[in-house]
C-alpha atoms as a PDB file:
ATOM      1  CA  MET A   1     112.610  67.809 -10.383  1.00  0.00           C
ATOM      2  CA  GLY A   2     111.496  67.619  -6.750  1.00  0.00           C
ATOM      3  CA  HIS A   3     110.150  70.386  -4.546  1.00  0.00           C
ATOM      4  CA  ARG A   4     109.207  70.517  -0.862  1.00  0.00           C
ATOM      5  CA  ILE A   5     106.560  73.009   0.310  1.00  0.00           C
ATOM      6  CA  LEU A   6     105.926  74.003   3.910  1.00  0.00           C
ATOM      7  CA  HIS A   7     102.202  74.794   3.956  1.00  0.00           C
ATOM      8  CA  LEU A   8     100.644  76.968   6.671  1.00  0.00           C
ATOM      9  CA  SER A   9      97.218  78.580   6.811  1.00  0.00           C
ATOM     10  CA  ASP A  10      94.895  80.620   9.010  1.00  0.00           C
ATOM     11  CA  THR A  11      97.447  82.503  11.070  1.00  0.00           C
ATOM     12  CA  HIS A  12      94.677  84.939  12.206  1.00  0.00           C
ATOM     13  CA  VAL A  13      97.101  87.469  13.654  1.00  0.00           C
ATOM     14  CA  SER A  14      95.405  90.696  14.763  1.00  0.00           C
ATOM     15  CA  ALA A  15      96.690  94.237  15.077  1.00  0.00           C
ATOM     16  CA  THR A  16      95.018  94.484  18.483  1.00  0.00           C
ATOM     17  CA  GLY A  17      96.082  91.266  20.208  1.00  0.00           C
ATOM     18  CA  PRO A  18      94.151  87.980  20.419  1.00  0.00           C
ATOM     19  CA  ASP A  19      91.913  86.817  17.590  1.00  0.00           C
ATOM     20  CA  GLU A  20      88.115  87.092  17.798  1.00  0.00           C
ATOM     21  CA  ASP A  21      87.974  83.849  19.810  1.00  0.00           C
ATOM     22  CA  GLY A  22      90.461  85.117  22.394  1.00  0.00           C
ATOM     23  CA  VAL A  23      93.381  82.987  21.149  1.00  0.00           C
ATOM     24  CA  ASP A  24      96.899  84.436  21.147  1.00  0.00           C
ATOM     25  CA  ALA A  25      97.487  83.828  17.432  1.00  0.00           C
ATOM     26  CA  LEU A  26     100.969  85.332  17.394  1.00  0.00           C
ATOM     27  CA  ARG A  27     102.064  82.994  20.188  1.00  0.00           C
ATOM     28  CA  ALA A  28     100.666  80.061  18.203  1.00  0.00           C
ATOM     29  CA  LEU A  29     102.542  81.141  15.067  1.00  0.00           C
ATOM     30  CA  ASP A  30     105.821  81.753  16.872  1.00  0.00           C
ATOM     31  CA  GLY A  31     105.588  78.432  18.691  1.00  0.00           C
ATOM     32  CA  LEU A  32     104.841  76.520  15.497  1.00  0.00           C
ATOM     33  CA  LEU A  33     107.699  78.144  13.579  1.00  0.00           C
ATOM     34  CA  ALA A  34     110.067  77.342  16.440  1.00  0.00           C
ATOM     35  CA  ASP A  35     109.017  73.696  16.312  1.00  0.00           C
ATOM     36  CA  LEU A  36     109.468  73.626  12.531  1.00  0.00           C
ATOM     37  CA  ARG A  37     113.036  74.917  12.682  1.00  0.00           C
ATOM     38  CA  ASP A  38     114.632  71.528  11.942  1.00  0.00           C
ATOM     39  CA  VAL A  39     112.403  70.560   8.993  1.00  0.00           C
ATOM     40  CA  ALA A  40     114.880  70.088   6.155  1.00  0.00           C
ATOM     41  CA  GLY A  41     114.817  70.659   2.426  1.00  0.00           C
ATOM     42  CA  ILE A  42     112.093  73.302   2.227  1.00  0.00           C
ATOM     43  CA  ASP A  43     111.910  75.115  -1.139  1.00  0.00           C
ATOM     44  CA  LEU A  44     108.892  77.334  -0.437  1.00  0.00           C
ATOM     45  CA  VAL A  45     106.767  78.507   2.493  1.00  0.00           C
ATOM     46  CA  LEU A  46     103.086  78.906   1.571  1.00  0.00           C
ATOM     47  CA  VAL A  47     100.385  80.588   3.694  1.00  0.00           C
ATOM     48  CA  THR A  48      96.876  80.024   2.309  1.00  0.00           C
ATOM     49  CA  GLY A  49      94.866  82.884   3.716  1.00  0.00           C
ATOM     50  CA  ASP A  50      93.217  84.368   6.781  1.00  0.00           C
ATOM     51  CA  VAL A  51      96.578  86.004   7.327  1.00  0.00           C
ATOM     52  CA  ALA A  52      95.084  88.764   9.505  1.00  0.00           C
ATOM     53  CA  ASP A  53      92.137  87.933  11.752  1.00  0.00           C
ATOM     54  CA  ASP A  54      90.945  91.556  11.660  1.00  0.00           C
ATOM     55  CA  GLY A  55      91.854  92.092   7.999  1.00  0.00           C
ATOM     56  CA  SER A  56      94.423  94.711   8.988  1.00  0.00           C
ATOM     57  CA  GLU A  57      97.614  95.737   7.239  1.00  0.00           C
ATOM     58  CA  ALA A  58      99.352  95.566  10.623  1.00  0.00           C
ATOM     59  CA  GLY A  59      98.261  91.946  11.125  1.00  0.00           C
ATOM     60  CA  CYS A  60      99.487  90.988   7.640  1.00  0.00           C
ATOM     61  CA  SER A  61     102.770  92.784   8.259  1.00  0.00           C
ATOM     62  CA  VAL A  62     103.429  90.873  11.482  1.00  0.00           C
ATOM     63  CA  VAL A  63     102.865  87.552   9.697  1.00  0.00           C
ATOM     64  CA  ARG A  64     105.133  88.688   6.863  1.00  0.00           C
ATOM     65  CA  GLU A  65     107.819  89.573   9.417  1.00  0.00           C
ATOM     66  CA  ARG A  66     107.656  86.225  11.254  1.00  0.00           C
ATOM     67  CA  VAL A  67     107.198  83.921   8.255  1.00  0.00           C
ATOM     68  CA  GLY A  68     109.574  86.048   6.190  1.00  0.00           C
ATOM     69  CA  ALA A  69     112.331  85.686   8.791  1.00  0.00           C
ATOM     70  CA  PHE A  70     111.809  81.907   8.829  1.00  0.00           C
ATOM     71  CA  ALA A  71     111.980  81.799   5.014  1.00  0.00           C
ATOM     72  CA  ALA A  72     114.987  84.139   4.839  1.00  0.00           C
ATOM     73  CA  GLU A  73     117.001  81.889   7.169  1.00  0.00           C
ATOM     74  CA  ARG A  74     116.471  79.084   4.641  1.00  0.00           C
ATOM     75  CA  GLY A  75     116.902  81.253   1.548  1.00  0.00           C
ATOM     76  CA  VAL A  76     113.455  80.350   0.175  1.00  0.00           C
ATOM     77  CA  PRO A  77     110.453  82.388  -1.056  1.00  0.00           C
ATOM     78  CA  HIS A  78     107.282  82.887   0.962  1.00  0.00           C
ATOM     79  CA  VAL A  79     103.885  83.097  -0.755  1.00  0.00           C
ATOM     80  CA  TYR A  80     100.476  84.173   0.574  1.00  0.00           C
ATOM     81  CA  THR A  81      96.835  84.084  -0.532  1.00  0.00           C
ATOM     82  CA  THR A  82      93.852  86.034   0.721  1.00  0.00           C
ATOM     83  CA  GLY A  83      91.233  84.442   2.990  1.00  0.00           C
ATOM     84  CA  ASN A  84      87.754  85.430   4.074  1.00  0.00           C
ATOM     85  CA  HIS A  85      89.133  87.373   7.075  1.00  0.00           C
ATOM     86  CA  ASP A  86      91.522  89.352   4.878  1.00  0.00           C
ATOM     87  CA  ASP A  87      91.031  92.717   3.188  1.00  0.00           C
ATOM     88  CA  ARG A  88      92.429  93.055  -0.329  1.00  0.00           C
ATOM     89  CA  THR A  89      93.698  96.616   0.161  1.00  0.00           C
ATOM     90  CA  ALA A  90      95.463  95.795   3.438  1.00  0.00           C
ATOM     91  CA  PHE A  91      96.809  92.500   2.038  1.00  0.00           C
ATOM     92  CA  THR A  92      98.331  94.285  -0.968  1.00  0.00           C
ATOM     93  CA  ALA A  93      99.792  97.070   1.167  1.00  0.00           C
ATOM     94  CA  ALA A  94     101.578  94.579   3.423  1.00  0.00           C
ATOM     95  CA  LEU A  95     102.323  91.705   1.044  1.00  0.00           C
ATOM     96  CA  GLY A  96     102.246  93.107  -2.493  1.00  0.00           C
ATOM     97  CA  SER A  97     101.298  90.311  -4.875  1.00  0.00           C
ATOM     98  CA  GLY A  98     101.779  87.810  -2.039  1.00  0.00           C
ATOM     99  CA  HIS A  99     104.769  86.243  -3.838  1.00  0.00           C
ATOM    100  CA  LEU A 100     107.913  87.321  -1.996  1.00  0.00           C
ATOM    101  CA  SER A 101     111.585  86.427  -2.349  1.00  0.00           C
ATOM    102  CA  PRO A 102     113.728  85.455   0.671  1.00  0.00           C
ATOM    103  CA  ASP A 103     114.760  89.098   0.987  1.00  0.00           C
ATOM    104  CA  GLY A 104     111.197  90.412   0.595  1.00  0.00           C
ATOM    105  CA  ARG A 105     111.158  91.448  -3.070  1.00  0.00           C
ATOM    106  CA  ASP A 106     107.976  90.919  -5.068  1.00  0.00           C
ATOM    107  CA  LEU A 107     108.405  87.859  -7.304  1.00  0.00           C
ATOM    108  CA  ALA A 108     105.133  87.818  -9.230  1.00  0.00           C
ATOM    109  CA  ALA A 109     105.637  87.269 -12.952  1.00  0.00           C
ATOM    110  CA  ARG A 110     101.985  88.079 -13.588  1.00  0.00           C
ATOM    111  CA  SER A 111      99.127  89.404 -11.500  1.00  0.00           C
ATOM    112  CA  GLY A 112      95.480  88.598 -12.104  1.00  0.00           C
ATOM    113  CA  PRO A 113      92.052  89.750 -10.930  1.00  0.00           C
ATOM    114  CA  GLY A 114      91.829  90.632  -7.258  1.00  0.00           C
ATOM    115  CA  CYS A 115      94.929  89.307  -5.501  1.00  0.00           C
ATOM    116  CA  ALA A 116      95.633  86.417  -7.885  1.00  0.00           C
ATOM    117  CA  ALA A 117      99.256  86.051  -8.974  1.00  0.00           C
ATOM    118  CA  VAL A 118     101.831  83.622 -10.342  1.00  0.00           C
ATOM    119  CA  SER A 119     105.581  83.088  -9.918  1.00  0.00           C
ATOM    120  CA  GLU A 120     108.093  80.256 -10.355  1.00  0.00           C
ATOM    121  CA  VAL A 121     110.338  78.545  -7.805  1.00  0.00           C
ATOM    122  CA  ASP A 122     113.102  76.572  -9.510  1.00  0.00           C
ATOM    123  CA  GLY A 123     110.775  75.632 -12.360  1.00  0.00           C
ATOM    124  CA  LEU A 124     107.708  74.998 -10.174  1.00  0.00           C
ATOM    125  CA  ARG A 125     104.879  77.358 -11.127  1.00  0.00           C
ATOM    126  CA  VAL A 126     102.980  78.672  -8.095  1.00  0.00           C
ATOM    127  CA  VAL A 127      99.533  80.110  -8.836  1.00  0.00           C
ATOM    128  CA  THR A 128      97.635  81.860  -6.056  1.00  0.00           C
ATOM    129  CA  LEU A 129      93.920  82.504  -6.463  1.00  0.00           C
ATOM    130  CA  ASP A 130      91.734  84.985  -4.621  1.00  0.00           C
ATOM    131  CA  SER A 131      88.564  83.222  -3.397  1.00  0.00           C
ATOM    132  CA  LEU A 132      87.607  86.023  -0.993  1.00  0.00           C
ATOM    133  CA  VAL A 133      83.967  87.143  -1.060  1.00  0.00           C
ATOM    134  CA  PRO A 134      83.896  90.296   1.123  1.00  0.00           C
ATOM    135  CA  GLY A 135      81.502  89.924   4.038  1.00  0.00           C
ATOM    136  CA  SER A 136      81.033  86.173   3.492  1.00  0.00           C
ATOM    137  CA  VAL A 137      82.623  83.013   4.873  1.00  0.00           C
ATOM    138  CA  HIS A 138      82.297  80.911   1.706  1.00  0.00           C
ATOM    139  CA  GLY A 139      84.578  81.291  -1.314  1.00  0.00           C
ATOM    140  CA  GLN A 140      84.008  81.999  -4.995  1.00  0.00           C
ATOM    141  CA  LEU A 141      86.069  82.416  -8.170  1.00  0.00           C
ATOM    142  CA  ASP A 142      84.509  84.735 -10.747  1.00  0.00           C
ATOM    143  CA  ASP A 143      84.625  84.471 -14.537  1.00  0.00           C
ATOM    144  CA  ASP A 144      87.556  86.886 -14.865  1.00  0.00           C
ATOM    145  CA  GLN A 145      89.731  84.907 -12.490  1.00  0.00           C
ATOM    146  CA  LEU A 146      88.888  81.547 -14.060  1.00  0.00           C
ATOM    147  CA  THR A 147      89.678  82.958 -17.508  1.00  0.00           C
ATOM    148  CA  TRP A 148      92.971  84.328 -16.190  1.00  0.00           C
ATOM    149  CA  VAL A 149      94.124  81.048 -14.618  1.00  0.00           C
ATOM    150  CA  ASP A 150      93.055  79.168 -17.746  1.00  0.00           C
ATOM    151  CA  ASP A 151      95.416  81.402 -19.736  1.00  0.00           C
ATOM    152  CA  VAL A 152      98.234  81.029 -17.169  1.00  0.00           C
ATOM    153  CA  LEU A 153      98.045  77.237 -17.408  1.00  0.00           C
ATOM    154  CA  ALA A 154      97.878  77.121 -21.202  1.00  0.00           C
ATOM    155  CA  ALA A 155     101.564  76.120 -21.447  1.00  0.00           C
ATOM    156  CA  PRO A 156     103.157  73.657 -18.987  1.00  0.00           C
ATOM    157  CA  ALA A 157     105.859  74.783 -16.552  1.00  0.00           C
ATOM    158  CA  PRO A 158     109.230  72.953 -16.315  1.00  0.00           C
ATOM    159  CA  GLY A 159     108.425  71.611 -12.861  1.00  0.00           C
ATOM    160  CA  GLY A 160     104.652  71.577 -13.124  1.00  0.00           C
ATOM    161  CA  THR A 161     102.216  73.731 -11.138  1.00  0.00           C
ATOM    162  CA  VAL A 162     100.634  74.040  -7.728  1.00  0.00           C
ATOM    163  CA  VAL A 163      97.455  76.073  -7.318  1.00  0.00           C
ATOM    164  CA  ALA A 164      96.842  77.664  -3.914  1.00  0.00           C
ATOM    165  CA  LEU A 165      93.708  79.319  -2.564  1.00  0.00           C
ATOM    166  CA  HIS A 166      91.999  79.702   0.792  1.00  0.00           C
ATOM    167  CA  HIS A 167      88.653  77.960   0.274  1.00  0.00           C
ATOM    168  CA  PRO A 168      88.797  74.206  -0.404  1.00  0.00           C
ATOM    169  CA  PRO A 169      86.887  72.817  -3.390  1.00  0.00           C
ATOM    170  CA  ILE A 170      86.125  69.703  -1.292  1.00  0.00           C
ATOM    171  CA  HIS A 171      84.441  69.021   2.056  1.00  0.00           C
ATOM    172  CA  VAL A 172      83.660  66.142   4.404  1.00  0.00           C
ATOM    173  CA  PRO A 173      80.401  64.479   3.309  1.00  0.00           C
ATOM    174  CA  GLY A 174      77.733  64.800   5.967  1.00  0.00           C
ATOM    175  CA  VAL A 175      79.193  67.961   7.508  1.00  0.00           C
ATOM    176  CA  PRO A 176      76.864  70.684   6.173  1.00  0.00           C
ATOM    177  CA  THR A 177      78.691  73.514   7.944  1.00  0.00           C
ATOM    178  CA  MET A 178      81.826  72.626   6.006  1.00  0.00           C
ATOM    179  CA  ALA A 179      80.016  72.454   2.665  1.00  0.00           C
ATOM    180  CA  ALA A 180      78.429  75.864   3.287  1.00  0.00           C
ATOM    181  CA  VAL A 181      81.765  77.628   3.799  1.00  0.00           C
ATOM    182  CA  ALA A 182      83.785  75.837   1.092  1.00  0.00           C
ATOM    183  CA  LEU A 183      84.534  77.073  -2.432  1.00  0.00           C
ATOM    184  CA  GLN A 184      81.214  77.310  -4.231  1.00  0.00           C
ATOM    185  CA  GLN A 185      80.823  75.839  -7.731  1.00  0.00           C
ATOM    186  CA  PRO A 186      84.121  73.914  -7.535  1.00  0.00           C
ATOM    187  CA  GLU A 187      83.309  72.183 -10.815  1.00  0.00           C
ATOM    188  CA  ARG A 188      84.142  75.415 -12.638  1.00  0.00           C
ATOM    189  CA  LEU A 189      87.712  75.316 -11.287  1.00  0.00           C
ATOM    190  CA  ALA A 190      87.890  71.585 -12.017  1.00  0.00           C
ATOM    191  CA  ALA A 191      87.097  72.247 -15.683  1.00  0.00           C
ATOM    192  CA  VAL A 192      89.962  74.753 -15.940  1.00  0.00           C
ATOM    193  CA  LEU A 193      92.500  72.441 -14.265  1.00  0.00           C
ATOM    194  CA  ALA A 194      91.568  69.309 -16.194  1.00  0.00           C
ATOM    195  CA  GLY A 195      94.421  68.003 -18.336  1.00  0.00           C
ATOM    196  CA  ARG A 196      96.883  70.631 -17.116  1.00  0.00           C
ATOM    197  CA  ASP A 197     100.214  70.169 -15.330  1.00  0.00           C
ATOM    198  CA  VAL A 198      98.810  70.777 -11.829  1.00  0.00           C
ATOM    199  CA  HIS A 199     100.392  68.604  -9.116  1.00  0.00           C
ATOM    200  CA  ALA A 200      97.940  69.671  -6.418  1.00  0.00           C
ATOM    201  CA  VAL A 201      95.466  72.269  -5.190  1.00  0.00           C
ATOM    202  CA  LEU A 202      96.540  73.512  -1.727  1.00  0.00           C
ATOM    203  CA  CYS A 203      94.022  75.188   0.614  1.00  0.00           C
ATOM    204  CA  GLY A 204      93.258  76.149   4.213  1.00  0.00           C
ATOM    205  CA  HIS A 205      90.114  77.631   5.808  1.00  0.00           C
ATOM    206  CA  PHE A 206      88.725  74.488   7.475  1.00  0.00           C
ATOM    207  CA  HIS A 207      91.286  74.442  10.326  1.00  0.00           C
ATOM    208  CA  HIS A 208      91.316  70.707   9.688  1.00  0.00           C
ATOM    209  CA  GLN A 209      93.534  68.493   7.533  1.00  0.00           C
ATOM    210  CA  LEU A 210      91.676  66.912   4.632  1.00  0.00           C
ATOM    211  CA  SER A 211      92.507  65.279   1.316  1.00  0.00           C
ATOM    212  CA  GLY A 212      90.462  64.556  -1.785  1.00  0.00           C
ATOM    213  CA  THR A 213      90.412  65.231  -5.505  1.00  0.00           C
ATOM    214  CA  LEU A 214      89.053  67.884  -7.826  1.00  0.00           C
ATOM    215  CA  GLY A 215      88.492  65.951 -11.028  1.00  0.00           C
ATOM    216  CA  ASP A 216      91.812  64.145 -11.351  1.00  0.00           C
ATOM    217  CA  VAL A 217      93.822  66.727  -9.362  1.00  0.00           C
ATOM    218  CA  PRO A 218      94.780  65.980  -5.725  1.00  0.00           C
ATOM    219  CA  VAL A 219      93.527  68.495  -3.140  1.00  0.00           C
ATOM    220  CA  TRP A 220      95.194  69.010   0.245  1.00  0.00           C
ATOM    221  CA  VAL A 221      93.752  71.126   3.060  1.00  0.00           C
ATOM    222  CA  THR A 222      96.277  71.989   5.760  1.00  0.00           C
ATOM    223  CA  PRO A 223      95.278  72.438   9.420  1.00  0.00           C
ATOM    224  CA  GLY A 224      95.129  75.938  10.897  1.00  0.00           C
ATOM    225  CA  VAL A 225      97.846  77.651  12.861  1.00  0.00           C
ATOM    226  CA  VAL A 226      95.574  79.344  15.373  1.00  0.00           C
ATOM    227  CA  THR A 227      93.024  76.590  16.205  1.00  0.00           C
ATOM    228  CA  ARG A 228      91.944  73.120  15.061  1.00  0.00           C
ATOM    229  CA  ILE A 229      88.374  72.004  14.342  1.00  0.00           C
ATOM    230  CA  ASP A 230      87.651  68.786  16.244  1.00  0.00           C
ATOM    231  CA  LEU A 231      85.280  66.615  14.206  1.00  0.00           C
ATOM    232  CA  THR A 232      84.591  64.314  17.178  1.00  0.00           C
ATOM    233  CA  ALA A 233      82.014  66.846  18.415  1.00  0.00           C
ATOM    234  CA  PRO A 234      78.427  65.505  18.259  1.00  0.00           C
ATOM    235  CA  PRO A 235      76.532  66.775  15.182  1.00  0.00           C
ATOM    236  CA  PRO A 236      75.698  69.492  14.399  1.00  0.00           C
ATOM    237  CA  LEU A 237      78.102  71.154  16.850  1.00  0.00           C
ATOM    238  CA  VAL A 238      81.396  72.685  15.685  1.00  0.00           C
ATOM    239  CA  ARG A 239      84.151  72.452  18.275  1.00  0.00           C
ATOM    240  CA  ALA A 240      87.455  74.345  18.024  1.00  0.00           C
ATOM    241  CA  VAL A 241      90.473  73.375  20.107  1.00  0.00           C
ATOM    242  CA  LEU A 242      94.011  74.617  20.520  1.00  0.00           C
ATOM    243  CA  GLY A 243      96.752  72.925  18.544  1.00  0.00           C
ATOM    244  CA  ALA A 244      98.723  74.612  15.767  1.00  0.00           C
ATOM    245  CA  GLY A 245      99.598  72.530  12.733  1.00  0.00           C
ATOM    246  CA  ALA A 246     101.253  72.772   9.330  1.00  0.00           C
ATOM    247  CA  SER A 247     101.937  70.453   6.406  1.00  0.00           C
ATOM    248  CA  VAL A 248     104.837  69.392   4.241  1.00  0.00           C
ATOM    249  CA  ILE A 249     104.060  68.618   0.603  1.00  0.00           C
ATOM    250  CA  ASP A 250     106.692  66.659  -1.296  1.00  0.00           C
ATOM    251  CA  LEU A 251     106.491  66.849  -5.080  1.00  0.00           C
ATOM    252  CA  ASP A 252     108.869  64.098  -6.099  1.00  0.00           C
ATOM    253  CA  GLY A 253     108.696  60.445  -7.081  1.00  0.00           C
ATOM    254  CA  PRO A 254     105.899  58.175  -8.283  1.00  0.00           C
ATOM    255  CA  ALA A 255     103.697  58.775  -5.210  1.00  0.00           C
ATOM    256  CA  SER A 256     103.770  62.581  -5.571  1.00  0.00           C
ATOM    257  CA  PRO A 257     102.248  64.573  -4.034  1.00  0.00           C
ATOM    258  CA  VAL A 258     103.006  63.179  -0.583  1.00  0.00           C
ATOM    259  CA  CYS A 259     101.528  65.287   2.226  1.00  0.00           C
ATOM    260  CA  HIS A 260     101.980  64.986   5.959  1.00  0.00           C
ATOM    261  CA  VAL A 261     100.997  67.039   9.010  1.00  0.00           C
ATOM    262  CA  LEU A 262     103.326  68.523  11.616  1.00  0.00           C
ATOM    263  CA  HIS A 263     101.887  69.457  15.020  1.00  0.00           C
ATOM    264  CA  ALA A 264     103.283  72.081  17.386  1.00  0.00           C
ATOM    265  CA  ARG A 265     104.442  70.700  20.719  1.00  0.00           C
ATOM    266  CA  ASP A 266     101.938  72.709  22.746  1.00  0.00           C
ATOM    267  CA  GLN A 267     101.038  71.490  26.245  1.00  0.00           C
ATOM    268  CA  ARG A 268      97.597  73.104  25.822  1.00  0.00           C
ATOM    269  CA  ALA A 269      96.865  71.306  22.536  1.00  0.00           C
ATOM    270  CA  GLY A 270      93.335  69.908  22.549  1.00  0.00           C
ATOM    271  CA  GLU A 271      92.022  72.479  25.018  1.00  0.00           C
ATOM    272  CA  GLN A 272      88.579  73.646  23.913  1.00  0.00           C
ATOM    273  CA  VAL A 273      88.323  77.193  22.566  1.00  0.00           C
ATOM    274  CA  TYR A 274      84.641  77.277  21.618  1.00  0.00           C
ATOM    275  CA  VAL A 275      81.630  75.184  20.645  1.00  0.00           C
ATOM    276  CA  TYR A 276      79.277  76.595  17.996  1.00  0.00           C
ATOM    277  CA  ASP A 277      75.721  75.385  17.388  1.00  0.00           C
ATOM    278  CA  PRO A 278      74.802  76.268  13.771  1.00  0.00           C
ATOM    279  CA  VAL A 279      71.126  75.559  14.441  1.00  0.00           C
ATOM    280  CA  THR A 280      70.682  78.041  17.269  1.00  0.00           C
ATOM    281  CA  GLY A 281      73.665  80.274  16.570  1.00  0.00           C
ATOM    282  CA  ASP A 282      74.856  79.846  20.176  1.00  0.00           C
ATOM    283  CA  VAL A 283      78.577  79.955  20.921  1.00  0.00           C
ATOM    284  CA  THR A 284      80.063  78.623  24.141  1.00  0.00           C
ATOM    285  CA  THR A 285      83.636  79.753  24.764  1.00  0.00           C
ATOM    286  CA  GLY A 286      86.313  78.348  27.017  1.00  0.00           C
ATOM    287  CA  PRO A 287      87.281  74.834  28.107  1.00  0.00           C
END
């Protein structure tokens, strides 16, 4: 039983206009969705957090409107997780459980601690976790949430499971800024997922595509919609550039999961947005 997931993350749409770095996030999202219009066979659209740059209900609602219209045209569900920029109250007000049908109905079969939830798409179980730590950039899953997902996964689903959350449980070795903002204590999640029917763990947050494993489970980190982190910057600098991206995850065949990146056709792609020095705290904006 095959499934194809369109995976977006870090839309960073604000109720007041550009995001905190001055990027027109709504333009980036609209342009990316326009370029994705001919991608065939999608069964689910997934957005893994930082839905609203300012944490607002209005920002979440705009993303729901745009992504929801894209999903509705294809007759597929759209699913969201919280990110570190999001606010749980505003997220719930705009997106409910985060598991929405093509016509906007709430699909969650069960809800868990925070904004965790689970639903099924043609036999594929979709579990969203809430790794948000209010006021912090890193992610964490508490005991209640780990106990909940352990119970959810106790019995296999017909088409297996994908687990989605904002903060990746992996990072690039030698990039301390990435390790500091990743999911903390990832081994606790690894212990829960071990031996279960999980095809993949799908994340965002890094604004950079990355693959690895959590125990024996594949992990895929999709690039951001609003900006891309350029790892060619000299250490320890963090450089962000324009260039919206998304991923397609195919869950079918012996090589599953197969993941690939789709880039928006933006003439300004690669243009520098900011450079951050984590040692001094200095931020230089602009090209």
